[in-house]
PDB file of N, CA and C in Angstrom:
ATOM      1  N   MET A   1      41.626  22.668  -7.327  1.00  0.00           N
ATOM      2  CA  MET A   1      41.870  22.878  -5.912  1.00  0.00           C
ATOM      3  C   MET A   1      42.867  21.833  -5.403  1.00  0.00           C
ATOM      4  N   LEU A   2      43.812  22.305  -4.593  1.00  0.00           N
ATOM      5  CA  LEU A   2      44.795  21.405  -4.016  1.00  0.00           C
ATOM      6  C   LEU A   2      44.213  20.685  -2.811  1.00  0.00           C
ATOM      7  N   LEU A   3      44.611  19.457  -2.651  1.00  0.00           N
ATOM      8  CA  LEU A   3      44.160  18.685  -1.494  1.00  0.00           C
ATOM      9  C   LEU A   3      45.103  18.951  -0.327  1.00  0.00           C
ATOM     10  N   LYS A   4      44.542  19.174   0.841  1.00  0.00           N
ATOM     11  CA  LYS A   4      45.340  19.406   2.038  1.00  0.00           C
ATOM     12  C   LYS A   4      44.998  18.355   3.077  1.00  0.00           C
ATOM     13  N   GLU A   5      45.995  18.009   3.832  1.00  0.00           N
ATOM     14  CA  GLU A   5      45.791  17.064   4.917  1.00  0.00           C
ATOM     15  C   GLU A   5      44.997  17.741   6.031  1.00  0.00           C
ATOM     16  N   LYS A   6      44.151  16.990   6.683  1.00  0.00           N
ATOM     17  CA  LYS A   6      43.348  17.533   7.775  1.00  0.00           C
ATOM     18  C   LYS A   6      44.273  18.061   8.874  1.00  0.00           C
ATOM     19  N   GLY A   7      44.001  19.268   9.335  1.00  0.00           N
ATOM     20  CA  GLY A   7      44.805  19.866  10.391  1.00  0.00           C
ATOM     21  C   GLY A   7      46.013  20.633   9.899  1.00  0.00           C
ATOM     22  N   TYR A   8      46.233  20.652   8.575  1.00  0.00           N
ATOM     23  CA  TYR A   8      47.422  21.318   8.038  1.00  0.00           C
ATOM     24  C   TYR A   8      47.402  22.814   8.318  1.00  0.00           C
ATOM     25  N   ASP A   9      46.250  23.465   8.140  1.00  0.00           N
ATOM     26  CA  ASP A   9      46.166  24.907   8.368  1.00  0.00           C
ATOM     27  C   ASP A   9      46.527  25.257   9.814  1.00  0.00           C
ATOM     28  N   GLU A  10      46.061  24.467  10.755  1.00  0.00           N
ATOM     29  CA  GLU A  10      46.379  24.700  12.160  1.00  0.00           C
ATOM     30  C   GLU A  10      47.866  24.469  12.423  1.00  0.00           C
ATOM     31  N   PHE A  11      48.394  23.408  11.839  1.00  0.00           N
ATOM     32  CA  PHE A  11      49.818  23.103  11.968  1.00  0.00           C
ATOM     33  C   PHE A  11      50.650  24.259  11.446  1.00  0.00           C
ATOM     34  N   LEU A  12      50.315  24.741  10.257  1.00  0.00           N
ATOM     35  CA  LEU A  12      51.056  25.832   9.637  1.00  0.00           C
ATOM     36  C   LEU A  12      50.934  27.115  10.458  1.00  0.00           C
ATOM     37  N   ALA A  13      49.746  27.416  10.940  1.00  0.00           N
ATOM     38  CA  ALA A  13      49.541  28.612  11.762  1.00  0.00           C
ATOM     39  C   ALA A  13      50.396  28.555  13.025  1.00  0.00           C
ATOM     40  N   GLU A  14      50.502  27.382  13.635  1.00  0.00           N
ATOM     41  CA  GLU A  14      51.324  27.220  14.837  1.00  0.00           C
ATOM     42  C   GLU A  14      52.801  27.411  14.519  1.00  0.00           C
ATOM     43  N   LYS A  15      53.259  26.860  13.401  1.00  0.00           N
ATOM     44  CA  LYS A  15      54.658  27.028  12.995  1.00  0.00           C
ATOM     45  C   LYS A  15      54.972  28.501  12.756  1.00  0.00           C
ATOM     46  N   ILE A  16      54.069  29.210  12.106  1.00  0.00           N
ATOM     47  CA  ILE A  16      54.262  30.639  11.841  1.00  0.00           C
ATOM     48  C   ILE A  16      54.277  31.420  13.151  1.00  0.00           C
ATOM     49  N   ARG A  17      53.373  31.088  14.065  1.00  0.00           N
ATOM     50  CA  ARG A  17      53.330  31.766  15.363  1.00  0.00           C
ATOM     51  C   ARG A  17      54.642  31.584  16.117  1.00  0.00           C
ATOM     52  N   ILE A  18      55.147  30.355  16.134  1.00  0.00           N
ATOM     53  CA  ILE A  18      56.408  30.062  16.825  1.00  0.00           C
ATOM     54  C   ILE A  18      57.559  30.822  16.178  1.00  0.00           C
ATOM     55  N   ALA A  19      57.611  30.833  14.860  1.00  0.00           N
ATOM     56  CA  ALA A  19      58.685  31.532  14.151  1.00  0.00           C
ATOM     57  C   ALA A  19      58.655  33.027  14.445  1.00  0.00           C
ATOM     58  N   ARG A  20      57.485  33.612  14.441  1.00  0.00           N
ATOM     59  CA  ARG A  20      57.366  35.046  14.738  1.00  0.00           C
ATOM     60  C   ARG A  20      57.789  35.344  16.178  1.00  0.00           C
ATOM     61  N   GLU A  21      57.416  34.474  17.086  1.00  0.00           N
ATOM     62  CA  GLU A  21      57.799  34.635  18.488  1.00  0.00           C
ATOM     63  C   GLU A  21      59.315  34.545  18.643  1.00  0.00           C
ATOM     64  N   GLN A  22      59.928  33.571  17.995  1.00  0.00           N
ATOM     65  CA  GLN A  22      61.377  33.418  18.066  1.00  0.00           C
ATOM     66  C   GLN A  22      62.085  34.622  17.457  1.00  0.00           C
ATOM     67  N   PHE A  23      61.582  35.104  16.336  1.00  0.00           N
ATOM     68  CA  PHE A  23      62.175  36.268  15.690  1.00  0.00           C
ATOM     69  C   PHE A  23      62.089  37.486  16.606  1.00  0.00           C
ATOM     70  N   ALA A  24      60.945  37.678  17.238  1.00  0.00           N
ATOM     71  CA  ALA A  24      60.757  38.808  18.148  1.00  0.00           C
ATOM     72  C   ALA A  24      61.709  38.727  19.341  1.00  0.00           C
ATOM     73  N   ASN A  25      62.073  37.517  19.744  1.00  0.00           N
ATOM     74  CA  ASN A  25      62.993  37.312  20.868  1.00  0.00           C
ATOM     75  C   ASN A  25      64.454  37.282  20.432  1.00  0.00           C
ATOM     76  N   GLY A  26      64.711  37.537  19.151  1.00  0.00           N
ATOM     77  CA  GLY A  26      66.083  37.553  18.652  1.00  0.00           C
ATOM     78  C   GLY A  26      66.658  36.184  18.384  1.00  0.00           C
ATOM     79  N   GLN A  27      65.808  35.182  18.298  1.00  0.00           N
ATOM     80  CA  GLN A  27      66.271  33.813  18.053  1.00  0.00           C
ATOM     81  C   GLN A  27      66.141  33.496  16.565  1.00  0.00           C
ATOM     82  N   TYR A  28      67.102  33.971  15.800  1.00  0.00           N
ATOM     83  CA  TYR A  28      67.077  33.714  14.363  1.00  0.00           C
ATOM     84  C   TYR A  28      68.503  33.624  13.845  1.00  0.00           C
ATOM     85  N   VAL A  29      68.652  33.151  12.643  1.00  0.00           N
ATOM     86  CA  VAL A  29      69.950  32.998  12.007  1.00  0.00           C
ATOM     87  C   VAL A  29      69.919  33.808  10.719  1.00  0.00           C
ATOM     88  N   THR A  30      70.972  34.590  10.496  1.00  0.00           N
ATOM     89  CA  THR A  30      71.029  35.363   9.258  1.00  0.00           C
ATOM     90  C   THR A  30      71.380  34.444   8.095  1.00  0.00           C
ATOM     91  N   LYS A  31      71.152  34.928   6.908  1.00  0.00           N
ATOM     92  CA  LYS A  31      71.469  34.157   5.702  1.00  0.00           C
ATOM     93  C   LYS A  31      72.951  33.805   5.674  1.00  0.00           C
ATOM     94  N   GLU A  32      73.794  34.753   6.042  1.00  0.00           N
ATOM     95  CA  GLU A  32      75.236  34.518   6.035  1.00  0.00           C
ATOM     96  C   GLU A  32      75.628  33.444   7.046  1.00  0.00           C
ATOM     97  N   GLU A  33      75.042  33.508   8.249  1.00  0.00           N
ATOM     98  CA  GLU A  33      75.321  32.492   9.267  1.00  0.00           C
ATOM     99  C   GLU A  33      74.868  31.113   8.799  1.00  0.00           C
ATOM    100  N   LEU A  34      73.704  31.067   8.192  1.00  0.00           N
ATOM    101  CA  LEU A  34      73.184  29.798   7.692  1.00  0.00           C
ATOM    102  C   LEU A  34      74.094  29.229   6.609  1.00  0.00           C
ATOM    103  N   ASN A  35      74.577  30.085   5.709  1.00  0.00           N
ATOM    104  CA  ASN A  35      75.480  29.623   4.656  1.00  0.00           C
ATOM    105  C   ASN A  35      76.761  29.038   5.244  1.00  0.00           C
ATOM    106  N   VAL A  36      77.320  29.700   6.260  1.00  0.00           N
ATOM    107  CA  VAL A  36      78.539  29.200   6.901  1.00  0.00           C
ATOM    108  C   VAL A  36      78.274  27.846   7.558  1.00  0.00           C
ATOM    109  N   ARG A  37      77.164  27.749   8.283  1.00  0.00           N
ATOM    110  CA  ARG A  37      76.820  26.487   8.947  1.00  0.00           C
ATOM    111  C   ARG A  37      76.602  25.360   7.942  1.00  0.00           C
ATOM    112  N   MET A  38      75.901  25.658   6.854  1.00  0.00           N
ATOM    113  CA  MET A  38      75.614  24.629   5.854  1.00  0.00           C
ATOM    114  C   MET A  38      76.885  24.184   5.143  1.00  0.00           C
ATOM    115  N   LYS A  39      77.781  25.122   4.819  1.00  0.00           N
ATOM    116  CA  LYS A  39      79.047  24.749   4.184  1.00  0.00           C
ATOM    117  C   LYS A  39      79.856  23.839   5.102  1.00  0.00           C
ATOM    118  N   ALA A  40      79.880  24.162   6.391  1.00  0.00           N
ATOM    119  CA  ALA A  40      80.602  23.323   7.350  1.00  0.00           C
ATOM    120  C   ALA A  40      79.959  21.941   7.449  1.00  0.00           C
ATOM    121  N   LEU A  41      78.641  21.902   7.474  1.00  0.00           N
ATOM    122  CA  LEU A  41      77.933  20.623   7.537  1.00  0.00           C
ATOM    123  C   LEU A  41      78.225  19.781   6.301  1.00  0.00           C
ATOM    124  N   PHE A  42      78.149  20.392   5.123  1.00  0.00           N
ATOM    125  CA  PHE A  42      78.411  19.653   3.891  1.00  0.00           C
ATOM    126  C   PHE A  42      79.856  19.172   3.832  1.00  0.00           C
ATOM    127  N   ALA A  43      80.795  19.982   4.312  1.00  0.00           N
ATOM    128  CA  ALA A  43      82.198  19.572   4.333  1.00  0.00           C
ATOM    129  C   ALA A  43      82.378  18.357   5.246  1.00  0.00           C
ATOM    130  N   GLU A  44      81.732  18.383   6.398  1.00  0.00           N
ATOM    131  CA  GLU A  44      81.817  17.259   7.334  1.00  0.00           C
ATOM    132  C   GLU A  44      81.185  16.002   6.740  1.00  0.00           C
ATOM    133  N   LEU A  45      80.038  16.160   6.103  1.00  0.00           N
ATOM    134  CA  LEU A  45      79.384  15.009   5.476  1.00  0.00           C
ATOM    135  C   LEU A  45      80.230  14.437   4.344  1.00  0.00           C
ATOM    136  N   GLU A  46      80.857  15.308   3.579  1.00  0.00           N
ATOM    137  CA  GLU A  46      81.719  14.840   2.488  1.00  0.00           C
ATOM    138  C   GLU A  46      82.922  14.084   3.048  1.00  0.00           C
ATOM    139  N   LYS A  47      83.493  14.597   4.137  1.00  0.00           N
ATOM    140  CA  LYS A  47      84.622  13.925   4.777  1.00  0.00           C
ATOM    141  C   LYS A  47      84.211  12.536   5.271  1.00  0.00           C
ATOM    142  N   GLU A  48      83.050  12.447   5.917  1.00  0.00           N
ATOM    143  CA  GLU A  48      82.555  11.156   6.397  1.00  0.00           C
ATOM    144  C   GLU A  48      82.315  10.196   5.239  1.00  0.00           C
ATOM    145  N   GLN A  49      81.761  10.714   4.154  1.00  0.00           N
ATOM    146  CA  GLN A  49      81.495   9.872   2.992  1.00  0.00           C
ATOM    147  C   GLN A  49      82.799   9.343   2.397  1.00  0.00           C
ATOM    148  N   GLN A  50      83.817  10.181   2.334  1.00  0.00           N
ATOM    149  CA  GLN A  50      85.108   9.742   1.810  1.00  0.00           C
ATOM    150  C   GLN A  50      85.723   8.674   2.709  1.00  0.00           C
ATOM    151  N   GLN A  51      85.603   8.854   4.020  1.00  0.00           N
ATOM    152  CA  GLN A  51      86.138   7.859   4.951  1.00  0.00           C
ATOM    153  C   GLN A  51      85.405   6.528   4.809  1.00  0.00           C
ATOM    154  N   GLU A  52      84.095   6.588   4.664  1.00  0.00           N
ATOM    155  CA  GLU A  52      83.320   5.363   4.476  1.00  0.00           C
ATOM    156  C   GLU A  52      83.683   4.684   3.163  1.00  0.00           C
ATOM    157  N   GLN A  53      83.920   5.459   2.122  1.00  0.00           N
ATOM    158  CA  GLN A  53      84.299   4.897   0.828  1.00  0.00           C
ATOM    159  C   GLN A  53      85.669   4.224   0.918  1.00  0.00           C
ATOM    160  N   MET A  54      86.602   4.861   1.643  1.00  0.00           N
ATOM    161  CA  MET A  54      87.925   4.259   1.815  1.00  0.00           C
ATOM    162  C   MET A  54      87.810   2.935   2.567  1.00  0.00           C
ATOM    163  N   LEU A  55      86.991   2.908   3.620  1.00  0.00           N
ATOM    164  CA  LEU A  55      86.781   1.679   4.383  1.00  0.00           C
ATOM    165  C   LEU A  55      86.143   0.615   3.503  1.00  0.00           C
ATOM    166  N   HIS A  56      85.163   1.006   2.734  1.00  0.00           N
ATOM    167  CA  HIS A  56      84.483   0.089   1.820  1.00  0.00           C
ATOM    168  C   HIS A  56      85.479  -0.503   0.819  1.00  0.00           C
ATOM    169  N   ASN A  57      86.344   0.332   0.269  1.00  0.00           N
ATOM    170  CA  ASN A  57      87.332  -0.139  -0.703  1.00  0.00           C
ATOM    171  C   ASN A  57      88.326  -1.099  -0.064  1.00  0.00           C
ATOM    172  N   ARG A  58      88.696  -0.852   1.195  1.00  0.00           N
ATOM    173  CA  ARG A  58      89.618  -1.751   1.891  1.00  0.00           C
ATOM    174  C   ARG A  58      88.988  -3.119   2.098  1.00  0.00           C
ATOM    175  N   VAL A  59      87.711  -3.134   2.446  1.00  0.00           N
ATOM    176  CA  VAL A  59      87.015  -4.396   2.685  1.00  0.00           C
ATOM    177  C   VAL A  59      86.906  -5.185   1.392  1.00  0.00           C
ATOM    178  N   ILE A  60      86.571  -4.521   0.306  1.00  0.00           N
ATOM    179  CA  ILE A  60      86.371  -5.210  -0.967  1.00  0.00           C
ATOM    180  C   ILE A  60      87.690  -5.590  -1.626  1.00  0.00           C
ATOM    181  N   TYR A  61      88.643  -4.656  -1.654  1.00  0.00           N
ATOM    182  CA  TYR A  61      89.870  -4.879  -2.409  1.00  0.00           C
ATOM    183  C   TYR A  61      91.056  -5.283  -1.544  1.00  0.00           C
ATOM    184  N   GLY A  62      90.875  -5.365  -0.250  1.00  0.00           N
ATOM    185  CA  GLY A  62      91.908  -5.845   0.640  1.00  0.00           C
ATOM    186  C   GLY A  62      92.873  -4.796   0.980  1.00  0.00           C
TER     187      GLY A  62
END
């Protein structure tokens, strides 16, 4: 038997209720929309990481 944290079932039931309510109200994202958003997010994070690396290299190597 798996151990569950106290209150987890209630927490999960509430999350499911909210998700179903949002879906019924048309508040959802399609798989395609999510993929586009995630690709944009990852591209932005990669750009920030490259900028930080360039700054780091300037500080260390002058």
